PDB file of N, CA and C in Angstrom:
ATOM      1  N   MET A   1      89.257  -8.580  40.142  1.00  0.00           N
ATOM      2  CA  MET A   1      89.107  -7.254  39.581  1.00  0.00           C
ATOM      3  C   MET A   1      90.481  -6.602  39.493  1.00  0.00           C
ATOM      4  N   ILE A   2      90.831  -6.116  38.352  1.00  0.00           N
ATOM      5  CA  ILE A   2      92.117  -5.465  38.146  1.00  0.00           C
ATOM      6  C   ILE A   2      91.903  -3.966  38.295  1.00  0.00           C
ATOM      7  N   THR A   3      92.573  -3.361  39.276  1.00  0.00           N
ATOM      8  CA  THR A   3      92.352  -1.940  39.519  1.00  0.00           C
ATOM      9  C   THR A   3      93.521  -1.071  39.112  1.00  0.00           C
ATOM     10  N   ASP A   4      94.700  -1.654  39.008  1.00  0.00           N
ATOM     11  CA  ASP A   4      95.865  -0.831  38.680  1.00  0.00           C
ATOM     12  C   ASP A   4      96.524  -1.253  37.365  1.00  0.00           C
ATOM     13  N   GLN A   5      95.769  -1.961  36.525  1.00  0.00           N
ATOM     14  CA  GLN A   5      96.292  -2.378  35.235  1.00  0.00           C
ATOM     15  C   GLN A   5      95.267  -2.071  34.145  1.00  0.00           C
ATOM     16  N   LEU A   6      95.767  -1.770  32.991  1.00  0.00           N
ATOM     17  CA  LEU A   6      94.907  -1.593  31.826  1.00  0.00           C
ATOM     18  C   LEU A   6      94.863  -2.905  31.064  1.00  0.00           C
ATOM     19  N   ILE A   7      93.709  -3.245  30.559  1.00  0.00           N
ATOM     20  CA  ILE A   7      93.597  -4.435  29.715  1.00  0.00           C
ATOM     21  C   ILE A   7      93.671  -3.966  28.270  1.00  0.00           C
ATOM     22  N   LEU A   8      94.646  -4.456  27.567  1.00  0.00           N
ATOM     23  CA  LEU A   8      94.827  -4.105  26.162  1.00  0.00           C
ATOM     24  C   LEU A   8      94.459  -5.320  25.318  1.00  0.00           C
ATOM     25  N   HIS A   9      93.852  -5.075  24.191  1.00  0.00           N
ATOM     26  CA  HIS A   9      93.475  -6.167  23.299  1.00  0.00           C
ATOM     27  C   HIS A   9      94.303  -6.067  22.023  1.00  0.00           C
ATOM     28  N   SER A  10      94.899  -7.172  21.654  1.00  0.00           N
ATOM     29  CA  SER A  10      95.680  -7.205  20.415  1.00  0.00           C
ATOM     30  C   SER A  10      94.746  -7.466  19.239  1.00  0.00           C
ATOM     31  N   LYS A  11      95.282  -7.397  18.047  1.00  0.00           N
ATOM     32  CA  LYS A  11      94.481  -7.663  16.846  1.00  0.00           C
ATOM     33  C   LYS A  11      93.937  -9.084  16.853  1.00  0.00           C
ATOM     34  N   GLU A  12      94.651  -9.981  17.497  1.00  0.00           N
ATOM     35  CA  GLU A  12      94.215 -11.374  17.556  1.00  0.00           C
ATOM     36  C   GLU A  12      93.165 -11.597  18.644  1.00  0.00           C
ATOM     37  N   GLY A  13      92.833 -10.549  19.391  1.00  0.00           N
ATOM     38  CA  GLY A  13      91.831 -10.672  20.440  1.00  0.00           C
ATOM     39  C   GLY A  13      92.390 -11.138  21.768  1.00  0.00           C
ATOM     40  N   LYS A  14      93.720 -11.278  21.853  1.00  0.00           N
ATOM     41  CA  LYS A  14      94.326 -11.714  23.107  1.00  0.00           C
ATOM     42  C   LYS A  14      94.438 -10.535  24.059  1.00  0.00           C
ATOM     43  N   ARG A  15      94.283 -10.842  25.333  1.00  0.00           N
ATOM     44  CA  ARG A  15      94.405  -9.797  26.352  1.00  0.00           C
ATOM     45  C   ARG A  15      95.862  -9.682  26.797  1.00  0.00           C
ATOM     46  N   THR A  16      96.302  -8.462  26.899  1.00  0.00           N
ATOM     47  CA  THR A  16      97.598  -8.191  27.512  1.00  0.00           C
ATOM     48  C   THR A  16      97.360  -7.128  28.574  1.00  0.00           C
ATOM     49  N   TYR A  17      98.239  -7.075  29.539  1.00  0.00           N
ATOM     50  CA  TYR A  17      98.063  -6.156  30.651  1.00  0.00           C
ATOM     51  C   TYR A  17      99.213  -5.168  30.707  1.00  0.00           C
ATOM     52  N   ALA A  18      98.881  -3.930  30.998  1.00  0.00           N
ATOM     53  CA  ALA A  18      99.894  -2.888  31.143  1.00  0.00           C
ATOM     54  C   ALA A  18      99.569  -2.088  32.390  1.00  0.00           C
ATOM     55  N   LYS A  19     100.577  -1.638  33.071  1.00  0.00           N
ATOM     56  CA  LYS A  19     100.393  -0.832  34.277  1.00  0.00           C
ATOM     57  C   LYS A  19      99.768   0.513  33.910  1.00  0.00           C
ATOM     58  N   ASP A  20      98.705   0.882  34.596  1.00  0.00           N
ATOM     59  CA  ASP A  20      98.059   2.176  34.385  1.00  0.00           C
ATOM     60  C   ASP A  20      98.819   3.211  35.197  1.00  0.00           C
ATOM     61  N   LYS A  21      99.537   4.081  34.540  1.00  0.00           N
ATOM     62  CA  LYS A  21     100.371   5.066  35.216  1.00  0.00           C
ATOM     63  C   LYS A  21      99.550   6.173  35.878  1.00  0.00           C
ATOM     64  N   ASN A  22      98.267   6.313  35.509  1.00  0.00           N
ATOM     65  CA  ASN A  22      97.413   7.331  36.100  1.00  0.00           C
ATOM     66  C   ASN A  22      96.641   6.816  37.308  1.00  0.00           C
ATOM     67  N   SER A  23      96.737   5.539  37.592  1.00  0.00           N
ATOM     68  CA  SER A  23      95.996   4.927  38.681  1.00  0.00           C
ATOM     69  C   SER A  23      96.940   4.635  39.839  1.00  0.00           C
ATOM     70  N   GLU A  24      96.393   4.644  41.036  1.00  0.00           N
ATOM     71  CA  GLU A  24      97.221   4.305  42.182  1.00  0.00           C
ATOM     72  C   GLU A  24      96.808   2.947  42.712  1.00  0.00           C
ATOM     73  N   SER A  25      97.683   2.332  43.451  1.00  0.00           N
ATOM     74  CA  SER A  25      97.397   1.006  43.978  1.00  0.00           C
ATOM     75  C   SER A  25      96.355   1.102  45.095  1.00  0.00           C
ATOM     76  N   PRO A  26      95.600   0.024  45.312  1.00  0.00           N
ATOM     77  CA  PRO A  26      94.637   0.024  46.416  1.00  0.00           C
ATOM     78  C   PRO A  26      95.319   0.280  47.772  1.00  0.00           C
ATOM     79  N   LYS A  27      96.518  -0.261  47.950  1.00  0.00           N
ATOM     80  CA  LYS A  27      97.242  -0.057  49.207  1.00  0.00           C
ATOM     81  C   LYS A  27      97.512   1.433  49.434  1.00  0.00           C
ATOM     82  N   ARG A  28      97.917   2.136  48.384  1.00  0.00           N
ATOM     83  CA  ARG A  28      98.175   3.576  48.493  1.00  0.00           C
ATOM     84  C   ARG A  28      96.886   4.319  48.831  1.00  0.00           C
ATOM     85  N   SER A  29      95.777   3.933  48.205  1.00  0.00           N
ATOM     86  CA  SER A  29      94.491   4.567  48.493  1.00  0.00           C
ATOM     87  C   SER A  29      94.081   4.367  49.948  1.00  0.00           C
ATOM     88  N   ILE A  30      94.307   3.182  50.471  1.00  0.00           N
ATOM     89  CA  ILE A  30      93.968   2.896  51.870  1.00  0.00           C
ATOM     90  C   ILE A  30      94.804   3.751  52.810  1.00  0.00           C
ATOM     91  N   VAL A  31      96.114   3.823  52.567  1.00  0.00           N
ATOM     92  CA  VAL A  31      96.996   4.626  53.410  1.00  0.00           C
ATOM     93  C   VAL A  31      96.606   6.106  53.337  1.00  0.00           C
ATOM     94  N   LYS A  32      96.288   6.591  52.141  1.00  0.00           N
ATOM     95  CA  LYS A  32      95.857   7.979  51.989  1.00  0.00           C
ATOM     96  C   LYS A  32      94.548   8.228  52.741  1.00  0.00           C
ATOM     97  N   SER A  33      93.628   7.293  52.673  1.00  0.00           N
ATOM     98  CA  SER A  33      92.347   7.438  53.370  1.00  0.00           C
ATOM     99  C   SER A  33      92.545   7.505  54.879  1.00  0.00           C
ATOM    100  N   ILE A  34      93.385   6.624  55.394  1.00  0.00           N
ATOM    101  CA  ILE A  34      93.649   6.605  56.832  1.00  0.00           C
ATOM    102  C   ILE A  34      94.347   7.889  57.269  1.00  0.00           C
ATOM    103  N   SER A  35      95.332   8.334  56.504  1.00  0.00           N
ATOM    104  CA  SER A  35      96.052   9.551  56.887  1.00  0.00           C
ATOM    105  C   SER A  35      95.130  10.771  56.807  1.00  0.00           C
ATOM    106  N   TRP A  36      94.257  10.821  55.804  1.00  0.00           N
ATOM    107  CA  TRP A  36      93.321  11.947  55.686  1.00  0.00           C
ATOM    108  C   TRP A  36      92.328  11.940  56.848  1.00  0.00           C
ATOM    109  N   ARG A  37      91.834  10.761  57.220  1.00  0.00           N
ATOM    110  CA  ARG A  37      90.898  10.649  58.336  1.00  0.00           C
ATOM    111  C   ARG A  37      91.579  11.069  59.637  1.00  0.00           C
ATOM    112  N   ALA A  38      92.856  10.698  59.815  1.00  0.00           N
ATOM    113  CA  ALA A  38      93.609  11.093  61.012  1.00  0.00           C
ATOM    114  C   ALA A  38      93.753  12.612  61.077  1.00  0.00           C
ATOM    115  N   ILE A  39      94.063  13.243  59.955  1.00  0.00           N
ATOM    116  CA  ILE A  39      94.193  14.704  59.917  1.00  0.00           C
ATOM    117  C   ILE A  39      92.848  15.360  60.236  1.00  0.00           C
ATOM    118  N   GLY A  40      91.767  14.855  59.652  1.00  0.00           N
ATOM    119  CA  GLY A  40      90.442  15.405  59.910  1.00  0.00           C
ATOM    120  C   GLY A  40      90.031  15.280  61.363  1.00  0.00           C
ATOM    121  N   THR A  41      90.315  14.136  61.974  1.00  0.00           N
ATOM    122  CA  THR A  41      89.965  13.926  63.369  1.00  0.00           C
ATOM    123  C   THR A  41      90.818  14.804  64.283  1.00  0.00           C
ATOM    124  N   LEU A  42      92.102  14.923  63.982  1.00  0.00           N
ATOM    125  CA  LEU A  42      92.973  15.805  64.763  1.00  0.00           C
ATOM    126  C   LEU A  42      92.467  17.247  64.690  1.00  0.00           C
ATOM    127  N   ASP A  43      92.041  17.670  63.513  1.00  0.00           N
ATOM    128  CA  ASP A  43      91.481  19.007  63.339  1.00  0.00           C
ATOM    129  C   ASP A  43      90.244  19.184  64.215  1.00  0.00           C
ATOM    130  N   THR A  44      89.357  18.200  64.225  1.00  0.00           N
ATOM    131  CA  THR A  44      88.147  18.266  65.046  1.00  0.00           C
ATOM    132  C   THR A  44      88.496  18.338  66.526  1.00  0.00           C
ATOM    133  N   ILE A  45      89.462  17.526  66.959  1.00  0.00           N
ATOM    134  CA  ILE A  45      89.882  17.536  68.363  1.00  0.00           C
ATOM    135  C   ILE A  45      90.424  18.910  68.754  1.00  0.00           C
ATOM    136  N   LEU A  46      91.271  19.483  67.899  1.00  0.00           N
ATOM    137  CA  LEU A  46      91.843  20.792  68.203  1.00  0.00           C
ATOM    138  C   LEU A  46      90.774  21.888  68.266  1.00  0.00           C
ATOM    139  N   ILE A  47      89.836  21.850  67.333  1.00  0.00           N
ATOM    140  CA  ILE A  47      88.748  22.837  67.344  1.00  0.00           C
ATOM    141  C   ILE A  47      87.885  22.656  68.589  1.00  0.00           C
ATOM    142  N   ALA A  48      87.547  21.404  68.915  1.00  0.00           N
ATOM    143  CA  ALA A  48      86.723  21.136  70.093  1.00  0.00           C
ATOM    144  C   ALA A  48      87.448  21.565  71.368  1.00  0.00           C
ATOM    145  N   TRP A  49      88.745  21.359  71.429  1.00  0.00           N
ATOM    146  CA  TRP A  49      89.533  21.771  72.592  1.00  0.00           C
ATOM    147  C   TRP A  49      89.528  23.297  72.717  1.00  0.00           C
ATOM    148  N   PHE A  50      89.688  23.974  71.588  1.00  0.00           N
ATOM    149  CA  PHE A  50      89.673  25.433  71.569  1.00  0.00           C
ATOM    150  C   PHE A  50      88.315  25.972  72.035  1.00  0.00           C
ATOM    151  N   VAL A  51      87.237  25.352  71.556  1.00  0.00           N
ATOM    152  CA  VAL A  51      85.883  25.822  71.876  1.00  0.00           C
ATOM    153  C   VAL A  51      85.494  25.483  73.321  1.00  0.00           C
ATOM    154  N   THR A  52      85.797  24.246  73.739  1.00  0.00           N
ATOM    155  CA  THR A  52      85.353  23.798  75.068  1.00  0.00           C
ATOM    156  C   THR A  52      86.362  24.082  76.166  1.00  0.00           C
ATOM    157  N   GLY A  53      87.636  24.119  75.814  1.00  0.00           N
ATOM    158  CA  GLY A  53      88.673  24.298  76.822  1.00  0.00           C
ATOM    159  C   GLY A  53      88.973  23.038  77.614  1.00  0.00           C
ATOM    160  N   THR A  54      88.373  21.925  77.218  1.00  0.00           N
ATOM    161  CA  THR A  54      88.542  20.662  77.941  1.00  0.00           C
ATOM    162  C   THR A  54      89.074  19.606  76.979  1.00  0.00           C
ATOM    163  N   LEU A  55      90.299  19.131  77.246  1.00  0.00           N
ATOM    164  CA  LEU A  55      90.931  18.175  76.344  1.00  0.00           C
ATOM    165  C   LEU A  55      90.197  16.835  76.311  1.00  0.00           C
ATOM    166  N   SER A  56      89.729  16.349  77.454  1.00  0.00           N
ATOM    167  CA  SER A  56      89.024  15.058  77.462  1.00  0.00           C
ATOM    168  C   SER A  56      87.718  15.138  76.662  1.00  0.00           C
ATOM    169  N   LEU A  57      87.014  16.235  76.771  1.00  0.00           N
ATOM    170  CA  LEU A  57      85.794  16.430  75.981  1.00  0.00           C
ATOM    171  C   LEU A  57      86.134  16.520  74.490  1.00  0.00           C
ATOM    172  N   ALA A  58      87.226  17.194  74.182  1.00  0.00           N
ATOM    173  CA  ALA A  58      87.660  17.313  72.784  1.00  0.00           C
ATOM    174  C   ALA A  58      87.972  15.944  72.181  1.00  0.00           C
ATOM    175  N   PHE A  59      88.635  15.071  72.953  1.00  0.00           N
ATOM    176  CA  PHE A  59      88.928  13.719  72.461  1.00  0.00           C
ATOM    177  C   PHE A  59      87.638  12.909  72.292  1.00  0.00           C
ATOM    178  N   SER A  60      86.687  13.081  73.191  1.00  0.00           N
ATOM    179  CA  SER A  60      85.405  12.385  73.062  1.00  0.00           C
ATOM    180  C   SER A  60      84.696  12.809  71.776  1.00  0.00           C
ATOM    181  N   ILE A  61      84.685  14.100  71.525  1.00  0.00           N
ATOM    182  CA  ILE A  61      84.078  14.611  70.288  1.00  0.00           C
ATOM    183  C   ILE A  61      84.815  14.063  69.073  1.00  0.00           C
ATOM    184  N   GLY A  62      86.146  14.031  69.144  1.00  0.00           N
ATOM    185  CA  GLY A  62      86.955  13.517  68.033  1.00  0.00           C
ATOM    186  C   GLY A  62      86.672  12.059  67.722  1.00  0.00           C
ATOM    187  N   VAL A  63      86.521  11.239  68.760  1.00  0.00           N
ATOM    188  CA  VAL A  63      86.235   9.811  68.550  1.00  0.00           C
ATOM    189  C   VAL A  63      84.853   9.625  67.935  1.00  0.00           C
ATOM    190  N   ILE A  64      83.871  10.359  68.449  1.00  0.00           N
ATOM    191  CA  ILE A  64      82.521  10.267  67.885  1.00  0.00           C
ATOM    192  C   ILE A  64      82.527  10.709  66.425  1.00  0.00           C
ATOM    193  N   GLU A  65      83.231  11.794  66.150  1.00  0.00           N
ATOM    194  CA  GLU A  65      83.324  12.310  64.780  1.00  0.00           C
ATOM    195  C   GLU A  65      84.002  11.299  63.859  1.00  0.00           C
ATOM    196  N   LEU A  66      85.022  10.632  64.337  1.00  0.00           N
ATOM    197  CA  LEU A  66      85.731   9.637  63.535  1.00  0.00           C
ATOM    198  C   LEU A  66      84.781   8.528  63.091  1.00  0.00           C
ATOM    199  N   VAL A  67      84.027   8.000  64.021  1.00  0.00           N
ATOM    200  CA  VAL A  67      83.119   6.890  63.718  1.00  0.00           C
ATOM    201  C   VAL A  67      81.970   7.355  62.816  1.00  0.00           C
ATOM    202  N   THR A  68      81.329   8.471  63.175  1.00  0.00           N
ATOM    203  CA  THR A  68      80.172   8.914  62.393  1.00  0.00           C
ATOM    204  C   THR A  68      80.560   9.294  60.974  1.00  0.00           C
ATOM    205  N   LYS A  69      81.713   9.900  60.789  1.00  0.00           N
ATOM    206  CA  LYS A  69      82.121  10.293  59.436  1.00  0.00           C
ATOM    207  C   LYS A  69      82.428   9.069  58.571  1.00  0.00           C
ATOM    208  N   MET A  70      82.991   8.018  59.161  1.00  0.00           N
ATOM    209  CA  MET A  70      83.241   6.805  58.378  1.00  0.00           C
ATOM    210  C   MET A  70      81.924   6.157  57.959  1.00  0.00           C
ATOM    211  N   VAL A  71      80.946   6.121  58.866  1.00  0.00           N
ATOM    212  CA  VAL A  71      79.646   5.537  58.545  1.00  0.00           C
ATOM    213  C   VAL A  71      78.931   6.382  57.484  1.00  0.00           C
ATOM    214  N   LEU A  72      78.929   7.691  57.672  1.00  0.00           N
ATOM    215  CA  LEU A  72      78.300   8.577  56.689  1.00  0.00           C
ATOM    216  C   LEU A  72      78.959   8.462  55.318  1.00  0.00           C
ATOM    217  N   TYR A  73      80.287   8.356  55.293  1.00  0.00           N
ATOM    218  CA  TYR A  73      80.994   8.227  54.022  1.00  0.00           C
ATOM    219  C   TYR A  73      80.598   6.932  53.316  1.00  0.00           C
ATOM    220  N   PHE A  74      80.485   5.845  54.066  1.00  0.00           N
ATOM    221  CA  PHE A  74      80.081   4.568  53.474  1.00  0.00           C
ATOM    222  C   PHE A  74      78.735   4.707  52.771  1.00  0.00           C
ATOM    223  N   PHE A  75      77.745   5.264  53.465  1.00  0.00           N
ATOM    224  CA  PHE A  75      76.421   5.400  52.865  1.00  0.00           C
ATOM    225  C   PHE A  75      76.423   6.416  51.722  1.00  0.00           C
ATOM    226  N   HIS A  76      77.216   7.459  51.844  1.00  0.00           N
ATOM    227  CA  HIS A  76      77.365   8.437  50.763  1.00  0.00           C
ATOM    228  C   HIS A  76      77.870   7.746  49.495  1.00  0.00           C
ATOM    229  N   GLU A  77      78.884   6.906  49.635  1.00  0.00           N
ATOM    230  CA  GLU A  77      79.427   6.166  48.486  1.00  0.00           C
ATOM    231  C   GLU A  77      78.403   5.201  47.905  1.00  0.00           C
ATOM    232  N   ARG A  78      77.633   4.520  48.756  1.00  0.00           N
ATOM    233  CA  ARG A  78      76.626   3.569  48.275  1.00  0.00           C
ATOM    234  C   ARG A  78      75.551   4.292  47.469  1.00  0.00           C
ATOM    235  N   VAL A  79      75.124   5.468  47.934  1.00  0.00           N
ATOM    236  CA  VAL A  79      74.122   6.241  47.193  1.00  0.00           C
ATOM    237  C   VAL A  79      74.696   6.689  45.857  1.00  0.00           C
ATOM    238  N   TRP A  80      75.908   7.235  45.857  1.00  0.00           N
ATOM    239  CA  TRP A  80      76.523   7.687  44.610  1.00  0.00           C
ATOM    240  C   TRP A  80      76.748   6.531  43.642  1.00  0.00           C
ATOM    241  N   ASN A  81      76.929   5.332  44.159  1.00  0.00           N
ATOM    242  CA  ASN A  81      77.122   4.166  43.302  1.00  0.00           C
ATOM    243  C   ASN A  81      75.856   3.857  42.503  1.00  0.00           C
ATOM    244  N   THR A  82      74.702   4.315  42.977  1.00  0.00           N
ATOM    245  CA  THR A  82      73.443   4.075  42.256  1.00  0.00           C
ATOM    246  C   THR A  82      73.130   5.155  41.235  1.00  0.00           C
ATOM    247  N   ILE A  83      73.895   6.232  41.231  1.00  0.00           N
ATOM    248  CA  ILE A  83      73.653   7.355  40.325  1.00  0.00           C
ATOM    249  C   ILE A  83      74.495   7.176  39.062  1.00  0.00           C
ATOM    250  N   ASN A  84      73.858   7.181  37.912  1.00  0.00           N
ATOM    251  CA  ASN A  84      74.568   6.954  36.652  1.00  0.00           C
ATOM    252  C   ASN A  84      75.234   8.205  36.093  1.00  0.00           C
ATOM    253  N   TRP A  85      74.900   9.369  36.593  1.00  0.00           N
ATOM    254  CA  TRP A  85      75.439  10.620  36.070  1.00  0.00           C
ATOM    255  C   TRP A  85      76.970  10.629  36.134  1.00  0.00           C
ATOM    256  N   GLY A  86      77.607  10.933  35.027  1.00  0.00           N
ATOM    257  CA  GLY A  86      79.063  11.055  34.967  1.00  0.00           C
ATOM    258  C   GLY A  86      79.823   9.753  34.808  1.00  0.00           C
ATOM    259  N   LYS A  87      79.117   8.641  34.687  1.00  0.00           N
ATOM    260  CA  LYS A  87      79.814   7.350  34.535  1.00  0.00           C
ATOM    261  C   LYS A  87      80.126   7.103  33.082  1.00  0.00           C
TER     262      LYS A  87
END
């Protein structure tokens, strides 16, 4: 599967490939996803620490939130993959 290239067709029907300047590489998407998840979890830990006053409890909440949000996101994407609206 080509994700960061456009397939162009010539008049002869031959395929040529060109870099899609509007698309990002899968590696960049992965790094962005990890960094966004880290920021979200840090935010949860800080809020939990502020609310509870206990850093160890805040980290426990942060770890649980990290795992549950990744699982929820996976299923959210799978459901949206079945919806044809906007495709």
